[in-house]
Amino acid sequence: MIRKIPPAGWAGAALVAGLCLFPFAMALITGQPVGEGAPKFWQGMLIQVFILAVYAMSYDLLMGYTGILSFGHALFFGTGSYVLGMMLKHAGWPLWQAALMIVVVAVAQSLIVGVLSLRVSGVYLTMVTLAFAQMFFILAEATDFREWTGAEDGLQGIPIPSWISPTDQRLRFYFVALGFALVMYLLARRVVSSPTGAVMVAIRENEPRARMLGYNTFVYKLIAITISGVMAALAGGMNAIWNLNANTAMLGVGTTINALLMTIIGGAGSLVGPMLGAGVLQLLGYWLNAAFGPRWPLIFGVVYILIVLFFPYGLVGTWRLRGAGLLALWRRRLGEARQQV
């Protein structure tokens, strides 16, 4: 039996194909080589979008699907950056071993943070997660660990294998980043489509009822934090490869706020929405900065207010609701027309 592919699947495949062809299309449009000038610049912009998309998607697993509002999600993103940098620069590990270490550290970190923070809820949970992130922020800036973390200067000059150099092998890194975002999306989609994902949504909607049905909500929330933390840490590692450094700003509250903005702008609880929100935040920020200079955050604030007012469920969430209404109206009109005939 041939399984019918839904329209959303075709749209996703078309988007991936378009992103694969994008560097070559830009080269044709601008008349410049694919690894130079404008094509190379826009590859860099999209690489940052891909990395932020994974980071935003990891936050969506917490807030959008499980209902956990965290102000310390930058903890995992920054930790991934620092772990990769320290393993490559100080320990001399190969890239694949450094990536494995990111996963190990992120799992351990997520379990510790989850076990300690999930004992409370609401605003108290939010403040506990913020406290953890600030603790690691202070440790990263401490002069006692300057040899390893670079203190307030950050960990600079991370040695990256030449085959994945974001400077010399920009096109290759572009496809690696695109593949990374696609794999993370498929894994996240598998999680939310599983029975575990269904329980996560049940916790978000009504945790006492989920508990009454016999589910250990603490365990499921801990699973959500762990998966989310690992995804965010891997995104942080990719960010360190892209920037060739890790700095304390990655552990700051502003990095968590960016994840929150991307999730809200795109639409919480959709996975695709936060990825779209990452594109809006990155690309709109670039264009506003080019047009308004230092005043661009003010303009972005106005744009954000307009998005919240006119797209209260985010871009994807609002589109789905209004699209479903338009589809129902179209079907009703079509049925009426058939009856008249």
Protein backbone atom coordinates (compact mmCIF):
# COMPACT_ATOMS: atom_id res chain seq x y z
CA MET A 1 0.00 0.00 0.00
CA ILE A 2 1.44 3.37 -1.04
CA ARG A 3 1.28 5.94 1.72
CA LYS A 4 0.02 9.31 0.58
CA ILE A 5 2.37 12.19 1.39
CA PRO A 6 0.52 15.14 3.00
CA PRO A 7 0.84 18.62 1.47
CA ALA A 8 3.01 19.73 4.38
CA GLY A 9 5.47 16.97 3.52
CA TRP A 10 5.73 18.14 -0.07
CA ALA A 11 6.17 21.73 1.11
CA GLY A 12 8.97 20.68 3.45
CA ALA A 13 10.71 18.70 0.72
CA ALA A 14 10.43 21.68 -1.63
CA LEU A 15 11.89 23.98 1.03
CA VAL A 16 14.86 21.66 1.62
CA ALA A 17 15.44 21.38 -2.13
CA GLY A 18 15.28 25.17 -2.44
CA LEU A 19 17.83 25.60 0.35
CA CYS A 20 20.13 23.08 -1.32
CA LEU A 21 19.95 25.00 -4.60
CA PHE A 22 20.17 28.43 -2.96
CA PRO A 23 23.98 28.89 -3.09
CA PHE A 24 24.08 28.02 -6.77
CA ALA A 25 21.07 30.21 -7.56
CA MET A 26 22.74 33.15 -5.79
CA ALA A 27 25.89 32.57 -7.83
CA LEU A 28 23.86 32.68 -11.06
CA ILE A 29 21.96 35.81 -10.00
CA THR A 30 25.00 37.78 -8.85
CA GLY A 31 27.44 36.43 -11.42
CA GLN A 32 29.96 35.74 -8.64
CA PRO A 33 31.60 32.40 -7.74
CA VAL A 34 29.63 30.32 -5.26
CA GLY A 35 32.36 30.66 -2.63
CA GLU A 36 32.91 34.40 -2.88
CA GLY A 37 31.12 37.72 -2.52
CA ALA A 38 27.36 37.85 -2.05
CA PRO A 39 26.78 34.06 -2.40
CA LYS A 40 29.28 33.40 0.39
CA PHE A 41 27.78 36.14 2.56
CA TRP A 42 24.23 34.81 2.26
CA GLN A 43 25.44 31.29 2.90
CA GLY A 44 26.80 32.64 6.19
CA MET A 45 23.47 34.27 7.04
CA LEU A 46 21.58 31.05 6.46
CA ILE A 47 24.12 29.03 8.42
CA GLN A 48 23.35 31.20 11.43
CA VAL A 49 19.63 30.70 10.78
CA PHE A 50 20.09 26.90 10.71
CA ILE A 51 21.96 26.93 14.03
CA LEU A 52 19.46 29.23 15.71
CA ALA A 53 16.61 27.14 14.29
CA VAL A 54 17.85 24.06 16.17
CA TYR A 55 18.29 26.12 19.33
CA ALA A 56 14.77 27.57 19.04
CA MET A 57 13.32 24.14 18.29
CA SER A 58 14.94 22.75 21.43
CA TYR A 59 13.26 25.49 23.46
CA ASP A 60 9.94 24.71 21.81
CA LEU A 61 10.13 21.16 23.15
CA LEU A 62 10.14 22.68 26.63
CA MET A 63 7.73 25.61 26.40
CA GLY A 64 5.61 24.70 23.39
CA TYR A 65 5.10 21.00 24.00
CA THR A 66 5.68 20.45 27.72
CA GLY A 67 4.67 23.83 29.10
CA ILE A 68 7.95 24.46 30.94
CA LEU A 69 8.98 28.12 30.86
CA SER A 70 12.75 28.28 31.36
CA PHE A 71 14.90 31.39 31.66
CA GLY A 72 18.09 29.35 31.75
CA HIS A 73 18.09 27.59 28.39
CA ALA A 74 21.24 29.47 27.38
CA LEU A 75 22.99 27.27 29.93
CA PHE A 76 22.93 24.33 27.51
CA PHE A 77 23.73 26.40 24.42
CA GLY A 78 26.75 28.00 26.06
CA THR A 79 27.93 24.77 27.63
CA GLY A 80 27.94 23.07 24.23
CA SER A 81 30.11 25.87 22.86
CA TYR A 82 32.59 25.75 25.71
CA VAL A 83 32.82 21.95 25.84
CA LEU A 84 33.56 21.74 22.13
CA GLY A 85 36.10 24.56 22.34
CA MET A 86 37.93 23.12 25.35
CA MET A 87 38.04 19.60 23.93
CA LEU A 88 39.42 20.80 20.61
CA LYS A 89 41.80 23.47 21.89
CA HIS A 90 43.06 22.14 25.22
CA ALA A 91 42.51 18.38 25.04
CA GLY A 92 43.33 18.02 21.36
CA TRP A 93 40.40 15.69 20.73
CA PRO A 94 39.06 15.02 17.23
CA LEU A 95 35.78 16.68 16.33
CA TRP A 96 33.62 13.56 16.66
CA GLN A 97 34.88 12.86 20.16
CA ALA A 98 34.26 16.47 21.16
CA ALA A 99 30.70 16.17 19.82
CA LEU A 100 30.16 13.01 21.89
CA MET A 101 31.45 14.83 24.96
CA ILE A 102 28.88 17.57 24.32
CA VAL A 103 26.11 14.96 24.44
CA VAL A 104 27.49 13.36 27.64
CA VAL A 105 27.89 16.70 29.44
CA ALA A 106 24.49 17.93 28.25
CA VAL A 107 22.74 14.80 29.49
CA ALA A 108 24.42 15.04 32.89
CA GLN A 109 23.73 18.75 33.12
CA SER A 110 20.08 18.33 32.08
CA LEU A 111 19.50 15.61 34.65
CA ILE A 112 21.01 17.70 37.45
CA VAL A 113 19.11 20.85 36.48
CA GLY A 114 15.89 18.90 35.92
CA VAL A 115 15.98 16.96 39.17
CA LEU A 116 16.61 20.11 41.20
CA SER A 117 14.36 22.55 39.34
CA LEU A 118 11.31 20.35 38.68
CA ARG A 119 10.62 20.11 42.40
CA VAL A 120 8.97 23.50 42.03
CA SER A 121 6.69 24.93 39.36
CA GLY A 122 5.56 28.17 37.82
CA VAL A 123 7.64 31.27 38.42
CA TYR A 124 9.77 29.42 40.97
CA LEU A 125 10.90 26.91 38.34
CA THR A 126 11.68 29.79 36.00
CA MET A 127 13.85 31.49 38.60
CA VAL A 128 15.70 28.27 39.45
CA THR A 129 16.63 27.71 35.81
CA LEU A 130 17.79 31.32 35.59
CA ALA A 131 19.93 30.82 38.70
CA PHE A 132 21.64 27.78 37.14
CA ALA A 133 22.42 29.72 33.96
CA GLN A 134 23.81 32.67 35.92
CA MET A 135 25.94 30.33 38.02
CA PHE A 136 27.63 28.93 34.93
CA PHE A 137 27.91 32.45 33.48
CA ILE A 138 29.86 33.53 36.58
CA LEU A 139 32.05 30.41 36.44
CA ALA A 140 32.87 31.04 32.77
CA GLU A 141 33.96 34.61 33.61
CA ALA A 142 35.94 33.59 36.71
CA THR A 143 39.66 34.30 36.42
CA ASP A 144 40.40 31.03 38.24
CA PHE A 145 39.48 29.15 35.06
CA ARG A 146 40.96 31.64 32.59
CA GLU A 147 43.34 29.02 31.19
CA TRP A 148 40.39 26.87 30.11
CA THR A 149 37.55 29.32 29.47
CA GLY A 150 39.37 32.56 28.69
CA ALA A 151 37.33 34.28 31.41
CA GLU A 152 35.65 37.51 30.21
CA ASP A 153 37.61 37.37 26.91
CA GLY A 154 36.06 34.03 26.01
CA LEU A 155 37.65 30.98 24.47
CA GLN A 156 39.25 32.30 21.28
CA GLY A 157 40.95 30.58 18.36
CA ILE A 158 39.23 27.21 18.53
CA PRO A 159 41.07 24.91 16.09
CA ILE A 160 38.62 23.52 13.53
CA PRO A 161 39.44 20.71 11.07
CA SER A 162 40.23 22.17 7.67
CA TRP A 163 37.56 20.12 5.90
CA ILE A 164 34.80 21.94 7.81
CA SER A 165 36.39 25.38 8.08
CA PRO A 166 33.59 27.98 7.91
CA THR A 167 36.00 30.37 6.19
CA ASP A 168 37.74 28.20 3.61
CA GLN A 169 34.98 25.61 3.12
CA ARG A 170 31.90 27.84 3.44
CA LEU A 171 29.78 25.89 0.94
CA ARG A 172 30.58 22.57 2.61
CA PHE A 173 29.83 24.01 6.03
CA TYR A 174 26.56 25.37 4.65
CA PHE A 175 25.41 21.87 3.72
CA VAL A 176 26.68 20.43 7.02
CA ALA A 177 24.65 23.04 8.92
CA LEU A 178 21.59 22.40 6.75
CA GLY A 179 21.91 18.64 7.29
CA PHE A 180 22.34 19.22 11.03
CA ALA A 181 19.13 21.29 11.20
CA LEU A 182 17.23 18.71 9.14
CA VAL A 183 18.37 15.76 11.28
CA MET A 184 17.53 17.60 14.50
CA TYR A 185 14.08 18.46 13.13
CA LEU A 186 13.38 14.84 12.17
CA LEU A 187 14.48 13.63 15.61
CA ALA A 188 12.35 16.26 17.36
CA ARG A 189 9.39 15.39 15.12
CA ARG A 190 9.84 11.73 16.04
CA VAL A 191 9.78 12.63 19.73
CA VAL A 192 6.64 14.78 19.61
CA SER A 193 4.84 12.21 17.42
CA SER A 194 5.59 9.38 19.87
CA PRO A 195 3.57 8.35 22.94
CA THR A 196 6.12 10.26 25.02
CA GLY A 197 5.33 13.40 23.03
CA ALA A 198 1.61 12.87 23.61
CA VAL A 199 2.22 12.74 27.37
CA MET A 200 4.32 15.91 27.15
CA VAL A 201 1.40 17.71 25.50
CA ALA A 202 -0.95 16.30 28.14
CA ILE A 203 1.30 17.74 30.85
CA ARG A 204 1.20 21.10 29.14
CA GLU A 205 -2.59 21.07 28.90
CA ASN A 206 -3.46 19.61 32.32
CA GLU A 207 -0.70 18.13 34.44
CA PRO A 208 -2.95 17.07 37.39
CA ARG A 209 -5.17 15.07 35.01
CA ALA A 210 -2.13 13.42 33.41
CA ARG A 211 -0.94 12.50 36.89
CA MET A 212 -4.35 11.08 37.76
CA LEU A 213 -4.19 8.87 34.66
CA GLY A 214 -1.11 7.23 36.12
CA TYR A 215 1.71 9.04 34.31
CA ASN A 216 4.78 10.01 36.28
CA THR A 217 4.87 13.59 35.03
CA PHE A 218 8.20 14.28 36.74
CA VAL A 219 9.91 11.62 34.60
CA TYR A 220 8.36 12.89 31.37
CA LYS A 221 9.33 16.49 32.12
CA LEU A 222 12.84 15.29 32.90
CA ILE A 223 12.93 13.53 29.53
CA ALA A 224 11.81 16.73 27.83
CA ILE A 225 14.52 18.78 29.56
CA THR A 226 17.19 16.21 28.68
CA ILE A 227 16.29 16.00 24.98
CA SER A 228 15.95 19.77 24.79
CA GLY A 229 19.26 20.30 26.59
CA VAL A 230 21.15 17.95 24.26
CA MET A 231 19.73 19.65 21.16
CA ALA A 232 20.57 23.11 22.50
CA ALA A 233 24.11 22.01 23.44
CA LEU A 234 24.74 20.57 19.97
CA ALA A 235 23.50 23.84 18.47
CA GLY A 236 25.95 25.65 20.75
CA GLY A 237 28.74 23.41 19.50
CA MET A 238 27.86 24.24 15.90
CA ASN A 239 27.84 27.92 16.84
CA ALA A 240 31.36 27.58 18.28
CA ILE A 241 32.55 25.98 15.03
CA TRP A 242 30.98 28.80 13.04
CA ASN A 243 32.41 31.63 15.17
CA LEU A 244 35.66 29.83 16.08
CA ASN A 245 35.12 30.95 19.69
CA ALA A 246 32.94 30.56 22.75
CA ASN A 247 32.12 33.56 24.93
CA THR A 248 30.11 34.26 28.04
CA ALA A 249 27.35 36.02 26.08
CA MET A 250 26.21 32.55 24.99
CA LEU A 251 25.41 31.83 28.65
CA GLY A 252 23.66 35.15 29.25
CA VAL A 253 19.95 35.67 29.76
CA GLY A 254 19.77 37.47 26.41
CA THR A 255 20.46 34.17 24.63
CA THR A 256 17.49 32.61 26.40
CA ILE A 257 15.32 35.61 25.54
CA ASN A 258 16.23 35.10 21.88
CA ALA A 259 15.00 31.50 22.09
CA LEU A 260 11.76 32.73 23.67
CA LEU A 261 11.30 35.37 20.96
CA MET A 262 11.93 32.92 18.13
CA THR A 263 9.44 30.46 19.60
CA ILE A 264 6.71 33.06 20.15
CA ILE A 265 7.22 34.74 16.76
CA GLY A 266 7.09 31.46 14.86
CA GLY A 267 4.45 29.73 16.95
CA ALA A 268 4.95 27.58 20.03
CA GLY A 269 4.17 23.89 19.82
CA SER A 270 4.83 23.50 16.11
CA LEU A 271 8.61 22.87 15.69
CA VAL A 272 8.44 24.52 12.26
CA GLY A 273 7.33 27.78 13.86
CA PRO A 274 10.45 28.37 15.98
CA MET A 275 12.62 27.51 12.96
CA LEU A 276 10.76 30.18 10.99
CA GLY A 277 11.11 32.51 13.97
CA ALA A 278 14.87 31.99 13.84
CA GLY A 279 14.86 33.15 10.24
CA VAL A 280 12.75 36.20 11.08
CA LEU A 281 14.96 37.16 14.04
CA GLN A 282 18.23 36.74 12.14
CA LEU A 283 17.31 38.18 8.75
CA LEU A 284 15.03 40.94 10.01
CA GLY A 285 17.68 41.93 12.53
CA TYR A 286 20.26 42.21 9.75
CA TRP A 287 18.03 44.32 7.52
CA LEU A 288 16.90 46.60 10.34
CA ASN A 289 20.48 47.06 11.47
CA ALA A 290 21.52 47.97 7.93
CA ALA A 291 18.63 50.45 7.61
CA PHE A 292 18.49 52.03 11.09
CA GLY A 293 21.90 51.34 12.61
CA PRO A 294 22.07 51.33 16.43
CA ARG A 295 18.34 52.16 16.65
CA TRP A 296 17.32 48.83 15.07
CA PRO A 297 16.30 47.12 18.39
CA LEU A 298 13.64 49.82 18.86
CA ILE A 299 12.22 49.15 15.39
CA PHE A 300 12.37 45.42 16.01
CA GLY A 301 10.43 45.93 19.24
CA VAL A 302 7.67 47.66 17.28
CA VAL A 303 7.66 44.83 14.72
CA TYR A 304 7.48 42.27 17.52
CA ILE A 305 4.47 44.04 19.06
CA LEU A 306 2.72 44.02 15.67
CA ILE A 307 3.42 40.31 15.22
CA VAL A 308 1.97 39.54 18.65
CA LEU A 309 -1.12 41.67 17.94
CA PHE A 310 -1.88 40.33 14.47
CA PHE A 311 -0.44 36.82 14.91
CA PRO A 312 -1.32 35.97 18.51
CA TYR A 313 -0.41 32.29 18.05
CA GLY A 314 2.76 33.01 16.11
CA LEU A 315 3.18 33.01 12.36
CA VAL A 316 2.65 29.27 11.91
CA GLY A 317 0.02 28.86 14.64
CA THR A 318 -2.13 31.72 13.38
CA TRP A 319 -1.79 30.52 9.78
CA ARG A 320 -2.94 27.06 10.76
CA LEU A 321 -6.00 28.37 12.60
CA ARG A 322 -7.02 30.79 9.86
CA GLY A 323 -6.11 28.31 7.15
CA ALA A 324 -8.32 25.67 8.77
CA GLY A 325 -11.19 28.18 8.89
CA LEU A 326 -10.72 29.16 5.25
CA LEU A 327 -10.55 25.50 4.23
CA ALA A 328 -13.79 24.73 6.10
CA LEU A 329 -15.46 27.74 4.46
CA TRP A 330 -14.27 26.64 1.01
CA ARG A 331 -15.58 23.10 1.57
CA ARG A 332 -18.94 24.43 2.76
CA ARG A 333 -19.27 26.70 -0.28
CA LEU A 334 -18.26 23.83 -2.57
CA GLY A 335 -20.90 21.59 -0.96
CA GLU A 336 -23.57 24.26 -1.41
CA ALA A 337 -22.61 24.68 -5.07
CA ARG A 338 -22.89 20.95 -5.65
CA GLN A 339 -26.34 20.86 -4.04
CA GLN A 340 -27.53 23.67 -6.30
CA VAL A 341 -26.31 21.76 -9.36
